[in-house]
N, C-alpha and C. Protein backbone atom coordinates (compact mmCIF):
# COMPACT_ATOMS: atom_id res chain seq x y z
N MET A 1 -5.68 1.33 17.65
CA MET A 1 -4.39 1.91 18.10
C MET A 1 -3.43 0.37 17.65
N PRO A 2 -2.79 -0.15 17.21
CA PRO A 2 -1.92 -1.67 16.92
C PRO A 2 -2.00 -1.79 18.87
N ASP A 3 -1.68 -3.14 19.11
CA ASP A 3 -1.88 -3.02 20.39
C ASP A 3 0.04 -3.72 19.73
N ALA A 4 0.62 -3.00 21.66
CA ALA A 4 2.16 -3.38 21.44
C ALA A 4 3.00 -4.68 21.75
N HIS A 5 1.67 -5.31 22.46
CA HIS A 5 2.06 -6.34 22.97
C HIS A 5 1.19 -7.73 22.45
N PHE A 6 0.68 -7.36 21.15
CA PHE A 6 0.24 -8.57 19.82
C PHE A 6 1.00 -9.80 20.06
N ASP A 7 0.59 -11.05 19.80
CA ASP A 7 1.61 -12.32 20.03
C ASP A 7 1.22 -12.48 18.31
N TYR A 8 2.46 -12.25 17.85
CA TYR A 8 1.90 -12.59 15.78
C TYR A 8 2.49 -14.07 16.02
N GLU A 9 3.18 -14.48 16.60
CA GLU A 9 3.20 -16.44 16.30
C GLU A 9 2.11 -16.99 16.86
N ALA A 10 1.61 -16.90 18.18
CA ALA A 10 0.29 -17.35 18.61
C ALA A 10 -1.05 -17.59 16.88
N CYS A 11 -0.92 -15.33 16.97
CA CYS A 11 -1.74 -15.60 15.83
C CYS A 11 -1.51 -16.48 14.35
N LEU A 12 -0.43 -16.46 14.25
CA LEU A 12 -0.03 -17.47 12.82
C LEU A 12 0.07 -19.23 13.70
N SER A 13 -0.02 -19.56 14.26
CA SER A 13 -0.33 -21.00 14.68
C SER A 13 -2.20 -21.13 14.56
N ALA A 14 -2.44 -20.68 15.21
CA ALA A 14 -3.91 -19.85 15.35
C ALA A 14 -4.73 -20.20 13.56
N CYS A 15 -3.46 -19.31 12.36
CA CYS A 15 -4.27 -19.13 11.29
C CYS A 15 -3.96 -20.72 10.77
N ALA A 16 -3.17 -20.95 11.11
CA ALA A 16 -2.54 -22.28 10.19
C ALA A 16 -3.71 -23.65 10.39
N PRO A 17 -4.19 -24.10 11.09
CA PRO A 17 -5.79 -24.42 11.10
C PRO A 17 -6.70 -23.89 10.60
N GLY A 18 -6.65 -22.72 10.48
CA GLY A 18 -7.61 -21.94 9.78
C GLY A 18 -9.09 -21.59 11.05
N GLU A 19 -8.19 -20.58 11.47
CA GLU A 19 -8.88 -20.24 12.64
C GLU A 19 -9.00 -18.48 12.12
N GLN A 20 -10.47 -18.18 11.39
CA GLN A 20 -10.69 -16.85 10.95
C GLN A 20 -10.44 -15.69 12.07
N ARG A 21 -10.86 -15.91 13.03
CA ARG A 21 -10.82 -15.11 14.14
C ARG A 21 -9.31 -14.53 14.14
N ALA A 22 -8.59 -15.75 14.04
CA ALA A 22 -7.10 -15.25 14.24
C ALA A 22 -6.36 -13.90 13.52
N LEU A 23 -6.74 -14.36 11.97
CA LEU A 23 -6.50 -13.90 10.82
C LEU A 23 -6.88 -12.01 10.97
N ARG A 24 -8.36 -11.94 11.32
CA ARG A 24 -8.95 -10.99 11.45
C ARG A 24 -8.03 -10.06 12.28
N GLN A 25 -7.62 -10.90 13.33
CA GLN A 25 -6.69 -10.05 14.74
C GLN A 25 -6.10 -9.53 13.96
N LEU A 26 -5.18 -10.58 13.06
CA LEU A 26 -3.96 -9.78 12.42
C LEU A 26 -4.16 -8.63 11.58
N TYR A 27 -5.34 -8.70 10.50
CA TYR A 27 -5.65 -7.65 9.82
C TYR A 27 -5.80 -6.31 10.68
N GLU A 28 -6.40 -6.49 12.10
CA GLU A 28 -6.70 -5.64 12.54
C GLU A 28 -5.38 -4.70 12.86
N GLN A 29 -4.29 -5.62 13.17
CA GLN A 29 -3.25 -5.46 13.84
C GLN A 29 -2.38 -4.34 12.50
N ASP A 30 -2.06 -4.98 11.48
CA ASP A 30 -1.35 -4.47 11.25
C ASP A 30 -1.36 -4.15 9.39
N SER A 31 -2.99 -3.94 9.04
CA SER A 31 -3.13 -3.95 7.74
C SER A 31 -2.77 -2.77 7.28
N SER A 32 -3.29 -1.87 8.11
CA SER A 32 -2.51 -0.13 7.79
C SER A 32 -1.60 -0.38 7.33
N ARG A 33 -0.38 -0.79 8.25
CA ARG A 33 0.99 -0.56 8.11
C ARG A 33 1.64 -1.48 6.62
N LEU A 34 1.05 -2.61 6.65
CA LEU A 34 0.94 -3.39 5.28
C LEU A 34 1.09 -2.58 4.31
N LEU A 35 -0.21 -1.71 4.43
CA LEU A 35 -0.31 -0.99 2.88
C LEU A 35 0.46 0.03 3.09
N GLY A 36 1.08 0.36 3.95
CA GLY A 36 2.12 1.21 3.83
C GLY A 36 3.24 0.87 3.00
N VAL A 37 3.29 -0.53 3.65
CA VAL A 37 4.86 -1.28 2.82
C VAL A 37 4.75 -1.56 1.31
N ALA A 38 3.37 -1.53 1.54
CA ALA A 38 3.24 -2.34 -0.54
C ALA A 38 2.73 -0.75 -1.11
N LEU A 39 2.24 -0.01 -0.92
CA LEU A 39 2.37 1.54 -1.44
C LEU A 39 4.00 1.85 -1.56
N ARG A 40 4.58 2.03 -1.10
CA ARG A 40 5.53 2.97 -1.00
C ARG A 40 6.60 1.70 -2.29
N ILE A 41 6.38 0.45 -2.62
CA ILE A 41 6.64 -0.48 -3.31
C ILE A 41 5.99 -0.16 -5.00
N VAL A 42 4.73 -0.42 -5.00
CA VAL A 42 3.98 -0.40 -6.10
C VAL A 42 3.58 0.88 -6.42
N ARG A 43 3.57 2.06 -5.60
CA ARG A 43 3.06 3.37 -5.79
C ARG A 43 2.17 3.84 -6.16
N ASP A 44 0.96 2.83 -5.99
CA ASP A 44 0.16 3.39 -6.54
C ASP A 44 -0.88 2.51 -5.29
N LYS A 45 -2.09 2.88 -5.08
CA LYS A 45 -2.93 2.72 -3.90
C LYS A 45 -3.67 1.96 -4.35
N ALA A 46 -4.76 1.71 -5.72
CA ALA A 46 -5.43 0.40 -5.77
C ALA A 46 -4.45 -0.85 -6.07
N LEU A 47 -3.32 -0.82 -6.39
CA LEU A 47 -2.44 -2.00 -6.84
C LEU A 47 -1.94 -2.69 -5.15
N ALA A 48 -1.27 -1.54 -4.21
CA ALA A 48 -1.27 -1.97 -2.97
C ALA A 48 -2.20 -2.58 -1.84
N GLU A 49 -3.44 -2.24 -2.24
CA GLU A 49 -4.50 -2.32 -1.94
C GLU A 49 -4.70 -4.06 -2.36
N ASP A 50 -4.36 -4.52 -3.54
CA ASP A 50 -4.46 -5.58 -4.15
C ASP A 50 -3.51 -6.45 -3.12
N VAL A 51 -1.84 -5.57 -3.00
CA VAL A 51 -0.54 -6.83 -2.75
C VAL A 51 -1.15 -7.07 -1.35
N VAL A 52 -1.74 -6.38 -0.47
CA VAL A 52 -2.01 -6.56 0.83
C VAL A 52 -2.97 -7.60 0.77
N HIS A 53 -3.93 -7.11 0.24
CA HIS A 53 -5.61 -8.46 0.01
C HIS A 53 -3.87 -9.75 -0.34
N ASP A 54 -3.45 -9.89 -1.63
CA ASP A 54 -2.64 -11.36 -1.65
C ASP A 54 -2.21 -11.84 -0.34
N ALA A 55 -1.03 -10.75 -0.02
CA ALA A 55 -0.51 -11.10 1.31
C ALA A 55 -1.39 -11.73 2.51
N PHE A 56 -2.47 -11.26 2.83
CA PHE A 56 -3.06 -12.14 3.33
C PHE A 56 -4.13 -13.39 3.11
N MET A 57 -4.02 -13.15 1.74
CA MET A 57 -4.51 -14.90 1.20
C MET A 57 -3.41 -16.07 1.29
N LYS A 58 -2.04 -15.52 1.30
CA LYS A 58 -0.76 -16.17 1.30
C LYS A 58 -0.69 -16.32 3.10
N ILE A 59 -0.62 -15.83 3.34
CA ILE A 59 -0.25 -15.71 5.05
C ILE A 59 -1.21 -16.51 5.49
N TRP A 60 -2.52 -16.36 5.22
CA TRP A 60 -3.92 -17.77 5.92
C TRP A 60 -3.36 -18.54 5.73
N HIS A 61 -3.31 -19.38 3.85
CA HIS A 61 -2.70 -20.56 3.56
C HIS A 61 -1.27 -21.25 3.94
N GLY A 62 -0.64 -19.87 4.53
CA GLY A 62 1.01 -20.38 4.20
C GLY A 62 1.25 -20.49 6.09
N ALA A 63 0.37 -19.83 6.83
CA ALA A 63 0.66 -19.53 8.20
C ALA A 63 1.78 -20.86 8.72
N GLY A 64 0.80 -22.22 8.68
CA GLY A 64 1.67 -23.37 8.94
C GLY A 64 3.21 -23.49 8.49
N SER A 65 3.93 -22.81 7.25
CA SER A 65 5.17 -22.64 6.97
C SER A 65 5.90 -21.66 7.89
N PHE A 66 5.51 -20.94 8.30
CA PHE A 66 6.15 -19.93 9.20
C PHE A 66 7.00 -21.19 10.31
N ASP A 67 8.40 -20.34 10.03
CA ASP A 67 9.48 -21.30 11.23
C ASP A 67 10.08 -20.17 12.12
N PRO A 68 9.53 -20.12 13.29
CA PRO A 68 10.22 -19.39 14.27
C PRO A 68 11.88 -19.25 14.27
N SER A 69 12.44 -20.49 13.95
CA SER A 69 13.78 -20.28 14.51
C SER A 69 14.25 -19.58 13.03
N ARG A 70 13.82 -19.27 11.96
CA ARG A 70 14.27 -18.46 10.84
C ARG A 70 13.51 -17.14 11.37
N GLY A 71 13.07 -16.39 12.27
CA GLY A 71 13.08 -14.62 12.14
C GLY A 71 11.45 -14.84 12.92
N SER A 72 11.21 -13.69 13.41
CA SER A 72 9.97 -13.26 13.82
C SER A 72 8.68 -13.17 12.95
N ALA A 73 8.04 -13.87 14.20
CA ALA A 73 6.55 -13.90 13.14
C ALA A 73 6.20 -12.39 12.20
N ARG A 74 6.21 -11.46 12.94
CA ARG A 74 5.91 -10.38 13.04
C ARG A 74 6.74 -9.90 11.15
N GLY A 75 7.82 -10.67 11.36
CA GLY A 75 8.87 -9.79 10.83
C GLY A 75 8.45 -10.85 8.67
N TRP A 76 8.17 -12.19 9.35
CA TRP A 76 7.42 -12.83 8.55
C TRP A 76 5.97 -12.49 7.37
N VAL A 77 5.06 -11.94 8.71
CA VAL A 77 4.03 -11.49 7.79
C VAL A 77 4.43 -10.08 6.91
N PHE A 78 5.43 -9.30 7.41
CA PHE A 78 5.68 -8.16 6.74
C PHE A 78 6.71 -8.75 5.28
N SER A 79 7.40 -9.63 5.33
CA SER A 79 8.14 -10.11 4.55
C SER A 79 7.44 -10.22 3.16
N VAL A 80 6.06 -11.41 3.66
CA VAL A 80 5.33 -12.12 2.28
C VAL A 80 5.10 -10.70 1.79
N THR A 81 4.16 -9.51 2.07
CA THR A 81 4.17 -8.35 1.74
C THR A 81 4.80 -8.27 0.85
N ARG A 82 5.98 -7.39 1.28
CA ARG A 82 6.92 -6.84 0.85
C ARG A 82 7.75 -7.48 -0.63
N HIS A 83 7.40 -9.00 -0.22
CA HIS A 83 8.42 -9.67 -2.06
C HIS A 83 6.66 -9.97 -2.23
N LEU A 84 5.28 -9.92 -2.30
CA LEU A 84 4.55 -9.97 -3.27
C LEU A 84 4.41 -8.59 -3.93
N ALA A 85 4.65 -7.49 -2.82
CA ALA A 85 4.81 -6.34 -4.22
C ALA A 85 6.27 -6.02 -5.07
N LEU A 86 7.27 -6.19 -4.72
CA LEU A 86 8.35 -6.63 -4.99
C LEU A 86 8.03 -7.24 -6.60
N ASN A 87 7.84 -8.63 -6.35
CA ASN A 87 7.31 -9.21 -7.44
C ASN A 87 6.26 -8.90 -8.35
N HIS A 88 5.14 -7.96 -7.76
CA HIS A 88 4.41 -6.91 -8.67
C HIS A 88 5.03 -6.64 -9.71
N VAL A 89 5.72 -5.94 -9.23
CA VAL A 89 6.80 -4.75 -9.64
C VAL A 89 7.05 -5.11 -10.59
N ARG A 90 8.39 -6.08 -10.35
CA ARG A 90 9.04 -7.00 -11.28
C ARG A 90 8.59 -7.56 -12.55
N ASN A 91 7.05 -8.47 -12.36
CA ASN A 91 6.58 -8.84 -13.31
C ASN A 91 5.65 -8.39 -13.89
N HIS A 92 5.58 -7.20 -13.59
CA HIS A 92 4.77 -5.92 -14.48
C HIS A 92 5.68 -4.61 -15.34
N HIS A 93 7.10 -4.93 -14.59
CA HIS A 93 8.08 -4.28 -15.03
C HIS A 93 7.42 -2.80 -15.68
N ARG A 94 6.71 -1.44 -15.03
CA ARG A 94 6.20 -0.28 -14.94
C ARG A 94 6.35 0.24 -13.45
N GLU A 95 6.89 1.48 -14.32
CA GLU A 95 6.59 2.60 -13.20
C GLU A 95 5.37 3.57 -13.12
N VAL A 96 5.20 4.02 -12.32
CA VAL A 96 3.67 4.27 -12.14
C VAL A 96 4.72 5.60 -11.61
N ALA A 97 3.97 6.84 -11.98
CA ALA A 97 3.94 8.05 -11.60
C ALA A 97 3.64 8.37 -10.24
N LEU A 98 3.85 9.30 -9.59
CA LEU A 98 3.46 9.56 -8.23
C LEU A 98 2.91 10.99 -8.67
N GLY A 99 2.06 10.97 -8.07
CA GLY A 99 1.63 11.96 -7.74
C GLY A 99 1.92 13.22 -6.47
N GLU A 100 1.61 14.38 -6.93
CA GLU A 100 1.72 15.21 -5.48
C GLU A 100 1.63 14.75 -4.55
N GLU A 101 1.12 13.87 -4.25
CA GLU A 101 0.26 13.89 -2.37
C GLU A 101 1.34 12.99 -1.97
N HIS A 102 2.19 12.17 -3.06
CA HIS A 102 2.99 11.40 -2.76
C HIS A 102 4.49 11.84 -2.96
N GLU A 103 4.91 12.95 -3.44
CA GLU A 103 6.16 13.58 -3.46
C GLU A 103 6.78 13.43 -2.52
N GLN A 104 6.76 13.87 -1.18
CA GLN A 104 7.66 13.35 -0.19
C GLN A 104 7.85 12.05 -0.13
N LEU A 105 7.04 11.03 -0.44
CA LEU A 105 7.59 9.75 -0.12
C LEU A 105 8.80 9.36 -1.29
N ALA A 106 8.38 10.00 -2.27
CA ALA A 106 9.37 9.70 -3.69
C ALA A 106 11.42 10.57 -3.14
N ALA A 107 11.22 11.27 -2.42
CA ALA A 107 12.44 12.08 -2.41
C ALA A 107 12.89 11.49 -1.05
N PRO A 108 14.40 10.77 -1.34
CA PRO A 108 15.23 10.26 -0.84
C PRO A 108 15.43 11.16 0.28
N HIS A 109 15.30 9.86 1.79
CA HIS A 109 15.78 10.29 2.89
C HIS A 109 17.34 10.24 3.06
N ASP A 110 17.35 11.42 4.21
CA ASP A 110 18.87 11.08 4.60
C ASP A 110 18.89 10.31 5.96
N THR A 111 18.27 10.52 6.35
CA THR A 111 17.81 10.14 8.10
C THR A 111 16.38 9.15 8.27
N PHE A 112 15.85 8.42 9.34
CA PHE A 112 14.81 7.89 9.56
C PHE A 112 14.33 8.06 11.25
N GLU A 113 13.65 8.28 11.11
CA GLU A 113 12.82 8.34 12.56
C GLU A 113 12.53 7.14 13.15
N PHE A 114 12.62 6.95 14.44
CA PHE A 114 12.23 5.36 15.13
C PHE A 114 11.12 5.75 16.02
N PRO A 115 10.28 4.98 16.47
CA PRO A 115 9.44 5.19 17.23
C PRO A 115 10.27 4.90 18.49
N ALA A 116 9.57 5.33 19.75
CA ALA A 116 10.66 5.80 20.87
C ALA A 116 10.32 3.93 21.27
N ARG A 117 9.44 3.01 21.14
CA ARG A 117 9.38 1.79 21.56
C ARG A 117 9.91 1.23 20.48
N ALA A 118 11.01 1.27 19.67
CA ALA A 118 11.34 0.06 18.44
C ALA A 118 11.94 -0.74 19.64
N GLY A 119 12.67 -0.63 20.83
CA GLY A 119 13.34 -1.57 21.36
C GLY A 119 14.49 -2.41 20.44
N LEU A 120 14.90 -3.16 20.99
CA LEU A 120 16.12 -3.91 20.25
C LEU A 120 16.74 -3.74 18.87
N MET A 121 15.48 -3.90 17.63
CA MET A 121 15.90 -3.15 16.66
C MET A 121 16.10 -1.79 16.60
N HIS A 122 15.45 -1.31 17.22
CA HIS A 122 16.19 0.28 17.37
C HIS A 122 17.69 0.69 17.34
N THR A 123 17.71 -0.07 18.77
CA THR A 123 19.12 -0.28 19.43
C THR A 123 20.27 -0.44 18.46
N CYS A 124 20.01 -2.26 18.08
CA CYS A 124 20.82 -2.69 16.46
C CYS A 124 20.75 -1.81 15.39
N LEU A 125 20.23 -0.77 14.98
CA LEU A 125 20.03 -0.05 14.10
C LEU A 125 20.97 0.98 14.24
N GLN A 126 20.83 1.42 15.42
CA GLN A 126 21.67 2.71 15.59
C GLN A 126 23.88 2.54 15.70
N GLN A 127 23.60 1.30 15.90
CA GLN A 127 24.91 0.87 15.94
C GLN A 127 25.60 0.90 14.86
N LEU A 128 24.45 0.38 13.47
CA LEU A 128 25.59 0.92 12.43
C LEU A 128 25.54 2.17 12.04
N ASP A 129 26.47 2.45 10.84
CA ASP A 129 27.08 3.38 10.18
C ASP A 129 25.70 4.13 9.14
N PRO A 130 25.79 5.42 9.53
CA PRO A 130 24.10 6.25 9.15
C PRO A 130 24.38 5.73 7.69
N ALA A 131 24.88 5.59 6.99
CA ALA A 131 25.13 5.25 5.61
C ALA A 131 24.41 3.85 5.34
N ARG A 132 25.18 3.14 6.16
CA ARG A 132 25.07 1.58 5.99
C ARG A 132 23.17 1.28 6.59
N ARG A 133 23.16 2.39 7.77
CA ARG A 133 21.43 1.99 8.23
C ARG A 133 20.12 2.38 7.13
N ASN A 134 20.80 3.57 6.07
CA ASN A 134 19.84 3.79 5.83
C ASN A 134 19.49 2.85 4.19
N CYS A 135 21.41 1.95 4.15
CA CYS A 135 20.84 1.49 2.89
C CYS A 135 19.91 0.04 3.23
N ILE A 136 20.10 -0.25 4.65
CA ILE A 136 19.00 -1.49 5.16
C ILE A 136 17.58 -1.27 5.15
N LEU A 137 17.36 0.19 5.36
CA LEU A 137 16.23 1.10 5.84
C LEU A 137 15.67 1.08 4.11
N HIS A 138 16.41 1.56 3.16
CA HIS A 138 15.97 2.34 2.13
C HIS A 138 15.08 0.50 1.38
N ALA A 139 16.48 -0.05 1.45
CA ALA A 139 15.80 -1.70 0.90
C ALA A 139 14.99 -2.28 1.89
N TYR A 140 14.32 -2.31 3.40
CA TYR A 140 13.29 -2.96 3.89
C TYR A 140 12.45 -1.89 4.46
N VAL A 141 12.54 -1.20 4.25
CA VAL A 141 11.09 -0.24 4.55
C VAL A 141 10.92 0.31 3.56
N ASP A 142 11.83 1.37 2.44
CA ASP A 142 10.96 1.49 1.28
C ASP A 142 10.64 0.66 0.08
N GLY A 143 11.53 -0.41 -0.08
CA GLY A 143 11.50 -1.53 -0.73
C GLY A 143 12.72 -1.01 -1.74
N TYR A 144 13.77 -0.49 -2.40
CA TYR A 144 14.45 -0.04 -3.17
C TYR A 144 15.23 -1.46 -3.24
N SER A 145 15.23 -1.35 -4.95
CA SER A 145 16.03 -2.38 -5.24
C SER A 145 17.49 -1.93 -4.63
N HIS A 146 18.77 -2.52 -4.69
CA HIS A 146 20.18 -2.15 -4.65
C HIS A 146 20.39 -1.14 -5.70
N SER A 147 19.90 -1.11 -6.74
CA SER A 147 20.67 -0.42 -7.58
C SER A 147 19.72 0.97 -7.57
N GLU A 148 18.48 1.21 -7.30
CA GLU A 148 17.70 1.83 -6.63
C GLU A 148 18.55 3.19 -5.26
N ILE A 149 19.29 2.21 -4.51
CA ILE A 149 19.52 3.06 -3.30
C ILE A 149 21.02 3.22 -3.62
N ALA A 150 21.95 2.51 -4.61
CA ALA A 150 23.00 3.16 -5.07
C ALA A 150 23.09 4.35 -6.07
N SER A 151 21.60 4.19 -7.06
CA SER A 151 21.78 5.75 -7.36
C SER A 151 21.37 6.99 -6.52
N ARG A 152 20.40 6.69 -5.91
CA ARG A 152 19.89 7.58 -4.63
C ARG A 152 20.82 8.30 -3.72
N LEU A 153 22.21 7.27 -3.41
CA LEU A 153 23.13 7.51 -2.75
C LEU A 153 24.55 7.91 -3.34
N GLY A 154 24.47 7.66 -4.25
CA GLY A 154 25.41 8.00 -5.25
C GLY A 154 26.79 7.28 -4.83
N THR A 155 26.35 6.19 -4.59
CA THR A 155 27.10 5.00 -4.14
C THR A 155 27.49 3.52 -5.22
N PRO A 156 28.21 3.77 -5.13
CA PRO A 156 28.84 2.33 -6.09
C PRO A 156 27.79 0.71 -6.19
N LEU A 157 27.01 0.48 -6.95
CA LEU A 157 25.97 -0.55 -6.84
C LEU A 157 27.00 -1.94 -5.76
N GLY A 158 28.52 -2.27 -5.81
CA GLY A 158 28.68 -3.11 -4.78
C GLY A 158 28.99 -2.48 -3.90
N THR A 159 29.31 -1.43 -3.54
CA THR A 159 29.46 -1.33 -2.32
C THR A 159 28.02 -1.02 -1.40
N VAL A 160 27.06 -0.73 -2.06
CA VAL A 160 25.90 -0.81 -1.42
C VAL A 160 25.37 -2.48 -1.20
N LYS A 161 25.73 -3.04 -2.37
CA LYS A 161 25.25 -4.78 -1.82
C LYS A 161 26.42 -5.06 -0.37
N ALA A 162 27.31 -5.15 -0.48
CA ALA A 162 28.36 -5.01 0.59
C ALA A 162 28.03 -4.63 1.93
N TRP A 163 27.86 -3.15 2.14
CA TRP A 163 27.42 -2.80 3.13
C TRP A 163 26.05 -3.31 3.45
N ILE A 164 24.96 -3.83 3.05
CA ILE A 164 23.71 -4.47 2.96
C ILE A 164 23.87 -5.36 3.85
N LYS A 165 24.80 -6.47 2.65
CA LYS A 165 25.05 -8.08 3.35
C LYS A 165 26.00 -7.78 5.09
N ARG A 166 26.56 -6.71 4.98
CA ARG A 166 27.36 -7.25 5.87
C ARG A 166 26.44 -6.31 7.25
N SER A 167 25.67 -5.38 6.78
CA SER A 167 24.75 -4.74 8.01
C SER A 167 23.82 -5.90 8.36
N LEU A 168 23.35 -6.59 7.41
CA LEU A 168 22.46 -7.54 7.94
C LEU A 168 23.18 -8.93 8.90
N ALA A 169 24.30 -9.14 8.55
CA ALA A 169 25.02 -9.89 9.87
C ALA A 169 25.04 -8.90 11.07
N ALA A 170 25.41 -7.87 11.07
CA ALA A 170 25.60 -7.21 12.19
C ALA A 170 24.04 -7.27 13.17
N LEU A 171 23.00 -6.96 12.29
CA LEU A 171 22.20 -7.29 12.86
C LEU A 171 21.67 -7.92 13.24
N ARG A 172 21.64 -9.46 12.52
CA ARG A 172 21.61 -10.83 12.98
C ARG A 172 22.07 -11.17 14.40
N GLU A 173 23.18 -10.57 14.45
CA GLU A 173 24.56 -10.87 15.78
C GLU A 173 23.88 -9.49 16.83
N CYS A 174 23.66 -8.78 16.51
CA CYS A 174 23.01 -8.00 17.38
C CYS A 174 21.64 -8.14 18.26
N MET A 175 21.11 -8.78 17.15
CA MET A 175 19.33 -9.45 17.83
C MET A 175 19.53 -10.95 18.87
N ALA A 176 20.76 -11.41 18.16
CA ALA A 176 20.86 -12.73 18.76
C ALA A 176 21.14 -13.07 20.50
């Protein structure tokens, strides 16, 4: 079970000079959730595992470039994984058909459930209009592109882009 008090920033600081134990701790803390993020984006378990492996290599070699003034260490770790998965999809221009076991994953979400201890992020997300909150979650949790979100929600692309931009600004302000 993940440690709710895990110090991501200290872990990245330890990874920067090459402390293998810190990388192992980070892997034990979040590898399964990172695999979930990658799987939602690439939609293939073997590819998702490759993305997570590449993400940990990038985290290992790039931990020194983490800048706490730009966001949380945990956010940075998830962002590295998400960007690698999205880049893989973009670079390979391929769609992987989902099997029945992932059918529920492919269905559009009307609402998202939050863990009870989601803290400040949960509070800030709850302050957003539900449609705007879903845009943010589809983009950053499910890994959908703006056009995929627009299609799923039946909303114009420009509207989705504006909602995401304004909602991120509102989240930044709320989290500050």
